[in-house]
């Protein structure tokens, strides 16, 4: 079964994984939601079926989601969900058993003050 990735744009800093999931869940089975943090302002919602993704695009494009009027469209190119999940699991990111945090950017490497 192939999944369909839906782009959600113009979120600003207000997009949350759980709120996006709630907004899109009424349109079909969702495989995952990924929210960009650096830079913020967009997300991808992965639907299990194309027809559900298309319905979400038709119903939610130009509507208010997460307090913002968003642009919603079928995404083209990029990573599919299996590649995304594989990278997330291999790094421990997003895996509750390893202490990872789903829906947030992984910690930055190096930390500390750059001027030192």
N, C-alpha and C. Protein backbone atom coordinates (compact mmCIF):
# COMPACT_ATOMS: atom_id res chain seq x y z
N UNK A 1 0.84 -1.17 0.00
CA UNK A 1 0.00 0.00 0.00
C UNK A 1 0.89 1.24 0.00
N UNK A 2 0.58 2.20 -0.84
CA UNK A 2 1.34 3.44 -0.87
C UNK A 2 0.62 4.50 -0.07
N UNK A 3 1.39 5.38 0.50
CA UNK A 3 0.77 6.47 1.23
C UNK A 3 0.89 7.74 0.39
N UNK A 4 0.16 8.74 0.78
CA UNK A 4 0.18 10.01 0.07
C UNK A 4 0.53 11.12 1.04
N UNK A 5 1.48 11.92 0.66
CA UNK A 5 1.98 12.99 1.50
C UNK A 5 1.28 14.29 1.12
N UNK A 6 0.74 14.99 2.12
CA UNK A 6 0.05 16.25 1.92
C UNK A 6 0.89 17.36 2.56
N UNK A 7 1.16 18.38 1.79
CA UNK A 7 1.89 19.55 2.26
C UNK A 7 0.92 20.51 2.92
N UNK A 8 1.30 21.03 4.10
CA UNK A 8 0.51 22.04 4.80
C UNK A 8 1.44 23.23 5.00
N UNK A 9 1.15 24.34 4.34
CA UNK A 9 2.02 25.51 4.40
C UNK A 9 1.37 26.69 5.09
N UNK A 10 2.18 27.69 5.36
CA UNK A 10 1.76 28.93 6.02
C UNK A 10 1.32 28.72 7.46
N UNK A 11 1.94 27.76 8.15
CA UNK A 11 1.60 27.50 9.55
C UNK A 11 2.22 28.50 10.51
N UNK A 12 3.23 29.21 10.08
CA UNK A 12 3.94 30.08 11.02
C UNK A 12 4.60 29.24 12.10
N UNK A 13 4.64 29.73 13.30
CA UNK A 13 5.21 28.98 14.42
C UNK A 13 4.15 28.22 15.19
N UNK A 14 2.91 28.27 14.71
CA UNK A 14 1.80 27.77 15.51
C UNK A 14 1.45 26.30 15.25
N UNK A 15 2.12 25.64 14.35
CA UNK A 15 1.77 24.25 14.03
C UNK A 15 2.20 23.26 15.08
N UNK A 16 1.26 22.43 15.53
CA UNK A 16 1.62 21.34 16.44
C UNK A 16 1.17 20.02 15.83
N UNK A 17 1.93 18.99 16.09
CA UNK A 17 1.64 17.67 15.54
C UNK A 17 0.25 17.20 15.95
N UNK A 18 -0.10 17.34 17.23
CA UNK A 18 -1.39 16.84 17.70
C UNK A 18 -2.55 17.63 17.11
N UNK A 19 -2.40 18.94 16.99
CA UNK A 19 -3.48 19.75 16.42
C UNK A 19 -3.67 19.46 14.93
N UNK A 20 -2.57 19.26 14.22
CA UNK A 20 -2.67 18.89 12.81
C UNK A 20 -3.34 17.53 12.65
N UNK A 21 -2.95 16.60 13.49
CA UNK A 21 -3.55 15.27 13.44
C UNK A 21 -5.07 15.37 13.63
N UNK A 22 -5.50 16.13 14.61
CA UNK A 22 -6.93 16.30 14.86
C UNK A 22 -7.64 16.95 13.68
N UNK A 23 -7.03 17.95 13.08
CA UNK A 23 -7.64 18.66 11.96
C UNK A 23 -7.80 17.78 10.73
N UNK A 24 -6.83 16.89 10.50
CA UNK A 24 -6.84 16.08 9.28
C UNK A 24 -7.48 14.70 9.46
N UNK A 25 -7.59 14.23 10.69
CA UNK A 25 -8.07 12.86 10.94
C UNK A 25 -9.49 12.63 10.44
N UNK A 26 -10.31 13.64 10.38
CA UNK A 26 -11.67 13.50 9.90
C UNK A 26 -11.78 13.21 8.42
N UNK A 27 -10.66 13.24 7.73
CA UNK A 27 -10.67 13.04 6.28
C UNK A 27 -10.10 11.69 5.86
N UNK A 28 -9.68 10.88 6.81
CA UNK A 28 -9.17 9.55 6.47
C UNK A 28 -8.11 9.08 7.45
N UNK A 29 -7.59 7.88 7.16
CA UNK A 29 -6.58 7.27 8.02
C UNK A 29 -5.22 7.94 7.79
N UNK A 30 -4.65 8.42 8.88
CA UNK A 30 -3.36 9.11 8.82
C UNK A 30 -2.27 8.16 9.30
N UNK A 31 -1.20 8.10 8.53
CA UNK A 31 -0.05 7.28 8.88
C UNK A 31 0.88 8.03 9.84
N UNK A 32 1.09 9.32 9.57
CA UNK A 32 2.00 10.11 10.40
C UNK A 32 1.82 11.59 10.09
N UNK A 33 2.33 12.43 10.98
CA UNK A 33 2.37 13.88 10.79
C UNK A 33 3.77 14.34 11.16
N UNK A 34 4.38 15.12 10.29
CA UNK A 34 5.71 15.67 10.53
C UNK A 34 5.62 17.19 10.45
N UNK A 35 6.12 17.87 11.48
CA UNK A 35 6.08 19.33 11.54
C UNK A 35 7.50 19.88 11.49
N UNK A 36 7.76 20.78 10.57
CA UNK A 36 9.08 21.42 10.46
C UNK A 36 9.28 22.37 11.63
N UNK A 37 10.48 22.39 12.16
CA UNK A 37 10.81 23.28 13.28
C UNK A 37 11.91 24.27 12.94
N UNK A 38 12.80 23.92 12.01
CA UNK A 38 13.90 24.81 11.68
C UNK A 38 14.19 24.74 10.19
N UNK A 39 13.60 25.53 9.36
CA UNK A 39 12.70 26.64 9.68
C UNK A 39 11.27 26.14 9.91
N UNK A 40 10.51 26.82 10.74
CA UNK A 40 9.12 26.44 10.97
C UNK A 40 8.22 26.93 9.85
N UNK A 41 6.95 26.55 9.92
CA UNK A 41 5.99 27.12 8.99
C UNK A 41 5.32 26.14 8.06
N UNK A 42 5.74 24.87 8.08
CA UNK A 42 5.08 23.89 7.21
C UNK A 42 5.10 22.52 7.87
N UNK A 43 4.31 21.63 7.29
CA UNK A 43 4.23 20.27 7.81
C UNK A 43 3.84 19.34 6.67
N UNK A 44 3.98 18.04 6.93
CA UNK A 44 3.50 17.02 6.01
C UNK A 44 2.61 16.07 6.78
N UNK A 45 1.46 15.75 6.19
CA UNK A 45 0.54 14.77 6.76
C UNK A 45 0.54 13.60 5.79
N UNK A 46 0.81 12.41 6.31
CA UNK A 46 0.89 11.20 5.50
C UNK A 46 -0.41 10.41 5.64
N UNK A 47 -1.18 10.33 4.55
CA UNK A 47 -2.42 9.56 4.53
C UNK A 47 -2.16 8.17 3.98
N UNK A 48 -2.93 7.21 4.45
CA UNK A 48 -2.80 5.83 3.96
C UNK A 48 -3.35 5.70 2.54
N UNK A 49 -4.36 6.49 2.20
CA UNK A 49 -4.99 6.38 0.88
C UNK A 49 -5.01 7.73 0.16
N UNK A 50 -4.77 7.68 -1.14
CA UNK A 50 -4.75 8.89 -1.95
C UNK A 50 -6.09 9.63 -1.90
N UNK A 51 -7.19 8.90 -1.99
CA UNK A 51 -8.50 9.57 -2.02
C UNK A 51 -8.77 10.35 -0.73
N UNK A 52 -8.28 9.86 0.39
CA UNK A 52 -8.43 10.58 1.66
C UNK A 52 -7.58 11.85 1.65
N UNK A 53 -6.37 11.74 1.12
CA UNK A 53 -5.50 12.91 1.02
C UNK A 53 -6.12 13.97 0.12
N UNK A 54 -6.68 13.53 -1.00
CA UNK A 54 -7.32 14.46 -1.93
C UNK A 54 -8.52 15.15 -1.29
N UNK A 55 -9.29 14.42 -0.51
CA UNK A 55 -10.43 15.02 0.20
C UNK A 55 -9.95 16.08 1.19
N UNK A 56 -8.88 15.78 1.93
CA UNK A 56 -8.34 16.75 2.88
C UNK A 56 -7.90 18.03 2.17
N UNK A 57 -7.26 17.88 1.01
CA UNK A 57 -6.82 19.04 0.24
C UNK A 57 -8.04 19.87 -0.16
N UNK A 58 -9.06 19.21 -0.68
CA UNK A 58 -10.26 19.93 -1.13
C UNK A 58 -10.97 20.64 0.02
N UNK A 59 -11.03 20.02 1.17
CA UNK A 59 -11.79 20.57 2.30
C UNK A 59 -11.00 21.58 3.13
N UNK A 60 -9.67 21.42 3.21
CA UNK A 60 -8.90 22.23 4.15
C UNK A 60 -8.05 23.33 3.51
N UNK A 61 -7.82 23.29 2.22
CA UNK A 61 -7.01 24.32 1.58
C UNK A 61 -7.70 25.68 1.76
N UNK A 62 -6.96 26.64 2.31
CA UNK A 62 -7.49 27.97 2.53
C UNK A 62 -8.28 28.12 3.83
N UNK A 63 -8.42 27.05 4.58
CA UNK A 63 -9.14 27.09 5.87
C UNK A 63 -8.17 27.38 7.00
N UNK A 64 -8.73 27.63 8.18
CA UNK A 64 -7.92 27.87 9.36
C UNK A 64 -7.59 26.55 10.05
N UNK A 65 -6.30 26.30 10.21
CA UNK A 65 -5.77 25.13 10.91
C UNK A 65 -4.67 25.66 11.82
N UNK A 66 -4.67 25.26 13.06
CA UNK A 66 -3.68 25.74 14.03
C UNK A 66 -3.69 27.27 14.12
N UNK A 67 -4.86 27.86 13.96
CA UNK A 67 -5.00 29.30 14.09
C UNK A 67 -4.52 30.11 12.90
N UNK A 68 -4.18 29.45 11.79
CA UNK A 68 -3.68 30.14 10.60
C UNK A 68 -4.42 29.66 9.36
N UNK A 69 -4.58 30.54 8.38
CA UNK A 69 -5.14 30.14 7.09
C UNK A 69 -4.03 29.43 6.34
N UNK A 70 -4.22 28.15 6.04
CA UNK A 70 -3.14 27.33 5.50
C UNK A 70 -3.33 26.99 4.02
N UNK A 71 -2.22 26.67 3.42
CA UNK A 71 -2.19 26.17 2.04
C UNK A 71 -2.03 24.66 2.16
N UNK A 72 -2.93 23.89 1.55
CA UNK A 72 -2.89 22.43 1.64
C UNK A 72 -2.90 21.88 0.21
N UNK A 73 -1.92 21.02 -0.10
CA UNK A 73 -1.85 20.43 -1.44
C UNK A 73 -1.12 19.08 -1.38
N UNK A 74 -1.36 18.27 -2.39
CA UNK A 74 -0.65 16.99 -2.50
C UNK A 74 0.82 17.33 -2.74
N UNK A 75 1.70 16.76 -1.92
CA UNK A 75 3.13 17.03 -2.04
C UNK A 75 3.72 16.23 -3.20
N UNK A 76 4.74 16.78 -3.80
CA UNK A 76 5.44 16.08 -4.88
C UNK A 76 6.90 15.95 -4.50
N UNK A 77 7.52 14.84 -4.90
CA UNK A 77 8.93 14.62 -4.60
C UNK A 77 9.17 14.39 -3.12
N UNK A 78 10.41 14.39 -2.71
CA UNK A 78 10.75 14.25 -1.31
C UNK A 78 10.77 12.82 -0.81
N UNK A 79 10.79 12.68 0.50
CA UNK A 79 10.91 11.38 1.15
C UNK A 79 9.55 10.73 1.34
N UNK A 80 9.52 9.41 1.22
CA UNK A 80 8.28 8.72 1.56
C UNK A 80 8.33 8.36 3.04
N UNK A 81 7.24 7.89 3.56
CA UNK A 81 7.12 7.67 5.00
C UNK A 81 8.05 6.56 5.50
N UNK A 82 8.28 5.53 4.69
CA UNK A 82 9.14 4.44 5.17
C UNK A 82 10.57 4.94 5.38
N UNK A 83 11.06 5.81 4.50
CA UNK A 83 12.40 6.37 4.67
C UNK A 83 12.44 7.28 5.89
N UNK A 84 11.41 8.09 6.07
CA UNK A 84 11.35 8.99 7.21
C UNK A 84 11.34 8.21 8.53
N UNK A 85 10.51 7.17 8.61
CA UNK A 85 10.42 6.38 9.84
C UNK A 85 11.72 5.63 10.10
N UNK A 86 12.35 5.12 9.05
CA UNK A 86 13.60 4.40 9.20
C UNK A 86 14.68 5.30 9.80
N UNK A 87 14.79 6.52 9.30
CA UNK A 87 15.78 7.47 9.83
C UNK A 87 15.46 7.84 11.26
N UNK A 88 14.18 8.04 11.56
CA UNK A 88 13.76 8.42 12.92
C UNK A 88 14.09 7.30 13.90
N UNK A 89 13.80 6.05 13.54
CA UNK A 89 14.02 4.91 14.43
C UNK A 89 15.50 4.63 14.63
N UNK A 90 16.29 4.75 13.56
CA UNK A 90 17.71 4.45 13.67
C UNK A 90 18.44 5.45 14.56
N UNK A 91 17.92 6.67 14.65
CA UNK A 91 18.57 7.68 15.48
C UNK A 91 18.02 7.70 16.90
N UNK A 92 16.95 6.92 17.15
CA UNK A 92 16.31 6.95 18.45
C UNK A 92 15.33 8.09 18.57
N UNK A 93 15.32 9.00 17.58
CA UNK A 93 14.42 10.14 17.57
C UNK A 93 13.01 9.65 17.26
N UNK A 94 12.05 10.04 18.08
CA UNK A 94 10.67 9.67 17.83
C UNK A 94 10.30 8.33 18.40
N UNK A 95 11.24 7.65 19.00
CA UNK A 95 10.96 6.34 19.58
C UNK A 95 10.77 6.52 21.08
N UNK A 96 9.52 6.40 21.57
CA UNK A 96 9.28 6.63 22.99
C UNK A 96 10.09 5.71 23.89
N UNK A 97 10.45 4.52 23.41
CA UNK A 97 11.21 3.57 24.22
C UNK A 97 12.66 4.03 24.40
N UNK A 98 13.15 4.86 23.49
CA UNK A 98 14.53 5.34 23.61
C UNK A 98 14.60 6.75 24.17
N UNK A 99 13.44 7.26 24.58
CA UNK A 99 13.42 8.61 25.13
C UNK A 99 13.30 9.68 24.06
N UNK A 100 13.10 9.27 22.81
CA UNK A 100 12.96 10.23 21.73
C UNK A 100 11.65 10.99 21.85
N UNK A 101 11.56 12.09 21.15
CA UNK A 101 10.37 12.94 21.22
C UNK A 101 9.76 13.06 19.84
N UNK A 102 8.55 12.58 19.68
CA UNK A 102 7.88 12.65 18.39
C UNK A 102 7.35 14.05 18.17
N UNK A 103 7.57 14.58 16.96
CA UNK A 103 6.99 15.86 16.59
C UNK A 103 7.86 17.06 16.89
N UNK A 104 9.04 16.86 17.41
CA UNK A 104 9.94 17.97 17.69
C UNK A 104 11.29 17.68 17.06
N UNK A 105 12.02 18.73 16.75
CA UNK A 105 13.34 18.55 16.16
C UNK A 105 14.28 17.87 17.14
N UNK A 106 15.19 17.03 16.62
CA UNK A 106 16.16 16.40 17.51
C UNK A 106 17.11 17.45 18.07
N UNK A 107 17.75 17.15 19.20
CA UNK A 107 18.67 18.13 19.79
C UNK A 107 19.81 18.45 18.84
N UNK A 108 20.29 19.68 18.91
CA UNK A 108 21.41 20.08 18.06
C UNK A 108 22.70 19.51 18.60
N UNK A 109 23.59 19.22 17.69
CA UNK A 109 24.90 18.68 18.09
C UNK A 109 25.82 19.83 18.49
N UNK A 110 26.74 19.51 19.36
CA UNK A 110 27.77 20.47 19.71
C UNK A 110 27.37 21.38 20.85
N UNK A 111 26.14 21.89 20.85
CA UNK A 111 25.67 22.77 21.92
C UNK A 111 26.73 23.76 22.34
N UNK A 112 26.47 24.57 23.27
CA UNK A 112 27.48 25.48 23.81
C UNK A 112 27.61 26.76 23.03
N UNK A 113 28.40 27.62 23.53
CA UNK A 113 28.60 28.94 22.97
C UNK A 113 29.58 28.87 21.80
N UNK A 114 29.22 29.47 20.67
CA UNK A 114 30.04 29.39 19.46
C UNK A 114 31.29 30.27 19.54
N UNK A 115 31.26 31.26 20.39
CA UNK A 115 32.38 32.18 20.46
C UNK A 115 33.56 31.66 21.28
N UNK A 116 33.47 30.48 21.82
CA UNK A 116 34.55 29.96 22.67
C UNK A 116 35.63 29.31 21.86
